[in-house]
Each structure stands twice: as C-alpha cells, then as structure tokens.
Amino acid sequence: MDGKISFDSFKEIDLRVAEVLEVKEHPDADRLYVIQIRVGEEKKQIVAGIRGRYSREELIGKKVIVVNNLETAVIRGEESNGMILAAGGTDGPIVLIPESDVEAGAKVK
C-alpha cells in the first residue's frame, strides 16, 4: 500500500472543535498533560504530549481541533478518549487552533 486512504475512510474520522477546560501534569510522564475538554455538550479526557511546549495556563480556555472518535487508549495509566491535532515544530508540537472563534463541538470539514 502507498500510504493513501480512500475518501470513504477519511470521512469516518470525526474532527471537532473542542474547548480545553482543565489541564493537569501527568503524574508519570514529563511530556504529557491530562486534559479535560468539552466537545459540544460532551466532556472527555485526552492525554497529550504537549507539556514541553505549552503551560497549563496557555491551554485552558483554548479551542483546539480533536479526533473525536478515536478508540480509547490508556497512556501511562491515564485514559485518553481522542487526540488533539498538532504539527511538528522546532520547539515541540504546535496545537492546531481555529483562526476565528468557533463553537465547541463544531465539525471540521
């Protein structure tokens, strides 16, 4: 396979805008945060490796783009129910954020 996926497979990925509600340092990992987000009316927890790039204060209240329908994973003992999208930067991952204010839960098209 050449690494390409079909458009039908891509349509299965549920990308949403989420609001960061709470950020805690992961107790067993220096680069991970345990983050509480809101996607529409639903609240969920995500573990993200962005601790070296962002302070907790920078993230709280920020709108981010998440993969909302990712299978639950346990990362170093903490449940993660999605993934925050980020690009690789020279100083660590750069979280993808909407250019303008968008309602938490909005679908990314």
C-alpha atoms as a PDB file:
ATOM      1  CA  MET A   1       0.000   0.000   0.000  1.00  0.00           C
ATOM      2  CA  ASP A   2       1.218   3.503  -0.791  1.00  0.00           C
ATOM      3  CA  GLY A   3       0.015   5.038   2.486  1.00  0.00           C
ATOM      4  CA  LYS A   4      -3.095   6.575   0.936  1.00  0.00           C
ATOM      5  CA  ILE A   5      -6.550   6.040   2.351  1.00  0.00           C
ATOM      6  CA  SER A   6      -9.815   6.237   0.494  1.00  0.00           C
ATOM      7  CA  PHE A   7     -12.095   9.250   0.779  1.00  0.00           C
ATOM      8  CA  ASP A   8     -14.673   6.953   2.408  1.00  0.00           C
ATOM      9  CA  SER A   9     -12.121   6.020   5.095  1.00  0.00           C
ATOM     10  CA  PHE A  10     -11.270   9.696   5.650  1.00  0.00           C
ATOM     11  CA  LYS A  11     -14.981  10.543   6.087  1.00  0.00           C
ATOM     12  CA  GLU A  12     -15.054   8.191   9.083  1.00  0.00           C
ATOM     13  CA  ILE A  13     -12.694  10.485  11.042  1.00  0.00           C
ATOM     14  CA  ASP A  14     -14.748  12.839  13.230  1.00  0.00           C
ATOM     15  CA  LEU A  15     -12.734  16.064  13.562  1.00  0.00           C
ATOM     16  CA  ARG A  16     -14.282  18.546  16.003  1.00  0.00           C
ATOM     17  CA  VAL A  17     -13.532  21.810  17.748  1.00  0.00           C
ATOM     18  CA  ALA A  18     -13.075  21.303  21.495  1.00  0.00           C
ATOM     19  CA  GLU A  19     -12.598  23.703  24.382  1.00  0.00           C
ATOM     20  CA  VAL A  20      -9.873  22.951  26.917  1.00  0.00           C
ATOM     21  CA  LEU A  21     -11.425  23.029  30.400  1.00  0.00           C
ATOM     22  CA  GLU A  22      -8.691  21.712  32.686  1.00  0.00           C
ATOM     23  CA  VAL A  23      -5.041  20.706  32.348  1.00  0.00           C
ATOM     24  CA  LYS A  24      -3.040  18.593  34.796  1.00  0.00           C
ATOM     25  CA  GLU A  25       0.508  17.313  34.586  1.00  0.00           C
ATOM     26  CA  HIS A  26       0.626  13.566  34.021  1.00  0.00           C
ATOM     27  CA  PRO A  27       1.975  12.015  37.233  1.00  0.00           C
ATOM     28  CA  ASP A  28       4.218   9.522  35.409  1.00  0.00           C
ATOM     29  CA  ALA A  29       5.416  11.394  32.299  1.00  0.00           C
ATOM     30  CA  ASP A  30       7.345  14.649  31.931  1.00  0.00           C
ATOM     31  CA  ARG A  31       5.996  15.459  28.454  1.00  0.00           C
ATOM     32  CA  LEU A  32       2.336  14.577  28.939  1.00  0.00           C
ATOM     33  CA  TYR A  33      -0.695  16.526  30.117  1.00  0.00           C
ATOM     34  CA  VAL A  34      -4.015  15.023  31.174  1.00  0.00           C
ATOM     35  CA  ILE A  35      -6.548  17.388  29.625  1.00  0.00           C
ATOM     36  CA  GLN A  36     -10.289  17.717  30.178  1.00  0.00           C
ATOM     37  CA  ILE A  37     -12.103  19.026  27.085  1.00  0.00           C
ATOM     38  CA  ARG A  38     -15.645  19.849  26.057  1.00  0.00           C
ATOM     39  CA  VAL A  39     -16.895  18.832  22.613  1.00  0.00           C
ATOM     40  CA  GLY A  40     -20.388  20.288  22.343  1.00  0.00           C
ATOM     41  CA  GLU A  41     -22.160  19.083  25.488  1.00  0.00           C
ATOM     42  CA  GLU A  42     -19.830  16.090  25.962  1.00  0.00           C
ATOM     43  CA  LYS A  43     -16.843  16.250  28.310  1.00  0.00           C
ATOM     44  CA  LYS A  44     -13.931  13.884  27.834  1.00  0.00           C
ATOM     45  CA  GLN A  45     -10.304  13.345  28.790  1.00  0.00           C
ATOM     46  CA  ILE A  46      -7.337  13.359  26.435  1.00  0.00           C
ATOM     47  CA  VAL A  47      -3.674  12.657  27.188  1.00  0.00           C
ATOM     48  CA  ALA A  48      -1.399  14.815  25.023  1.00  0.00           C
ATOM     49  CA  GLY A  49       2.376  15.146  24.660  1.00  0.00           C
ATOM     50  CA  ILE A  50       2.441  18.951  24.553  1.00  0.00           C
ATOM     51  CA  ARG A  51       3.724  19.728  28.041  1.00  0.00           C
ATOM     52  CA  GLY A  52       7.146  20.935  26.872  1.00  0.00           C
ATOM     53  CA  ARG A  53       5.580  23.476  24.501  1.00  0.00           C
ATOM     54  CA  TYR A  54       2.591  24.885  26.422  1.00  0.00           C
ATOM     55  CA  SER A  55       1.946  25.886  30.007  1.00  0.00           C
ATOM     56  CA  ARG A  56      -1.278  24.767  31.625  1.00  0.00           C
ATOM     57  CA  GLU A  57      -2.439  28.389  31.719  1.00  0.00           C
ATOM     58  CA  GLU A  58      -1.885  28.820  27.960  1.00  0.00           C
ATOM     59  CA  LEU A  59      -4.141  25.867  27.191  1.00  0.00           C
ATOM     60  CA  ILE A  60      -7.108  26.492  29.495  1.00  0.00           C
ATOM     61  CA  GLY A  61      -9.924  28.080  27.518  1.00  0.00           C
ATOM     62  CA  LYS A  62      -8.201  27.472  24.170  1.00  0.00           C
ATOM     63  CA  LYS A  63     -10.187  25.965  21.305  1.00  0.00           C
ATOM     64  CA  VAL A  64      -8.367  23.054  19.666  1.00  0.00           C
ATOM     65  CA  ILE A  65      -9.063  20.524  16.926  1.00  0.00           C
ATOM     66  CA  VAL A  66      -9.518  16.920  18.073  1.00  0.00           C
ATOM     67  CA  VAL A  67     -10.078  13.493  16.582  1.00  0.00           C
ATOM     68  CA  ASN A  68     -13.324  12.877  18.427  1.00  0.00           C
ATOM     69  CA  ASN A  69     -14.000   9.257  17.505  1.00  0.00           C
ATOM     70  CA  LEU A  70     -10.612   7.705  18.203  1.00  0.00           C
ATOM     71  CA  GLU A  71     -10.656   4.433  20.136  1.00  0.00           C
ATOM     72  CA  THR A  72      -9.982   4.854  23.846  1.00  0.00           C
ATOM     73  CA  ALA A  73      -6.341   4.279  24.786  1.00  0.00           C
ATOM     74  CA  VAL A  74      -4.634   4.041  28.165  1.00  0.00           C
ATOM     75  CA  ILE A  75      -1.440   6.095  28.152  1.00  0.00           C
ATOM     76  CA  ARG A  76       0.793   5.564  31.167  1.00  0.00           C
ATOM     77  CA  GLY A  77      -2.224   4.614  33.257  1.00  0.00           C
ATOM     78  CA  GLU A  78      -4.480   7.504  32.152  1.00  0.00           C
ATOM     79  CA  GLU A  79      -7.436   7.036  29.805  1.00  0.00           C
ATOM     80  CA  SER A  80      -7.365   9.080  26.595  1.00  0.00           C
ATOM     81  CA  ASN A  81     -10.569   9.487  24.584  1.00  0.00           C
ATOM     82  CA  GLY A  82      -9.395  11.304  21.493  1.00  0.00           C
ATOM     83  CA  MET A  83      -6.397  13.170  20.115  1.00  0.00           C
ATOM     84  CA  ILE A  84      -5.517  16.847  19.916  1.00  0.00           C
ATOM     85  CA  LEU A  85      -4.117  17.632  16.476  1.00  0.00           C
ATOM     86  CA  ALA A  86      -0.703  19.283  16.388  1.00  0.00           C
ATOM     87  CA  ALA A  87       2.027  19.939  13.854  1.00  0.00           C
ATOM     88  CA  GLY A  88       5.709  19.284  14.482  1.00  0.00           C
ATOM     89  CA  GLY A  89       7.504  22.491  15.379  1.00  0.00           C
ATOM     90  CA  THR A  90      11.153  23.187  16.165  1.00  0.00           C
ATOM     91  CA  ASP A  91      10.243  23.830  19.830  1.00  0.00           C
ATOM     92  CA  GLY A  92       7.782  20.948  20.090  1.00  0.00           C
ATOM     93  CA  PRO A  93       4.271  20.236  18.830  1.00  0.00           C
ATOM     94  CA  ILE A  94       2.159  23.221  17.775  1.00  0.00           C
ATOM     95  CA  VAL A  95      -1.526  22.687  18.535  1.00  0.00           C
ATOM     96  CA  LEU A  96      -3.904  23.369  15.648  1.00  0.00           C
ATOM     97  CA  ILE A  97      -6.442  26.020  16.593  1.00  0.00           C
ATOM     98  CA  PRO A  98      -9.294  27.635  14.634  1.00  0.00           C
ATOM     99  CA  GLU A  99      -8.433  31.012  13.118  1.00  0.00           C
ATOM    100  CA  SER A 100     -11.675  32.549  14.449  1.00  0.00           C
ATOM    101  CA  ASP A 101     -13.870  31.745  17.432  1.00  0.00           C
ATOM    102  CA  VAL A 102     -15.880  28.611  16.711  1.00  0.00           C
ATOM    103  CA  GLU A 103     -18.362  26.857  18.963  1.00  0.00           C
ATOM    104  CA  ALA A 104     -17.003  23.807  20.823  1.00  0.00           C
ATOM    105  CA  GLY A 105     -18.410  20.757  19.071  1.00  0.00           C
ATOM    106  CA  ALA A 106     -18.379  22.279  15.580  1.00  0.00           C
ATOM    107  CA  LYS A 107     -17.485  19.734  12.910  1.00  0.00           C
ATOM    108  CA  VAL A 108     -14.261  20.320  10.984  1.00  0.00           C
ATOM    109  CA  LYS A 109     -14.927  19.863   7.266  1.00  0.00           C
END
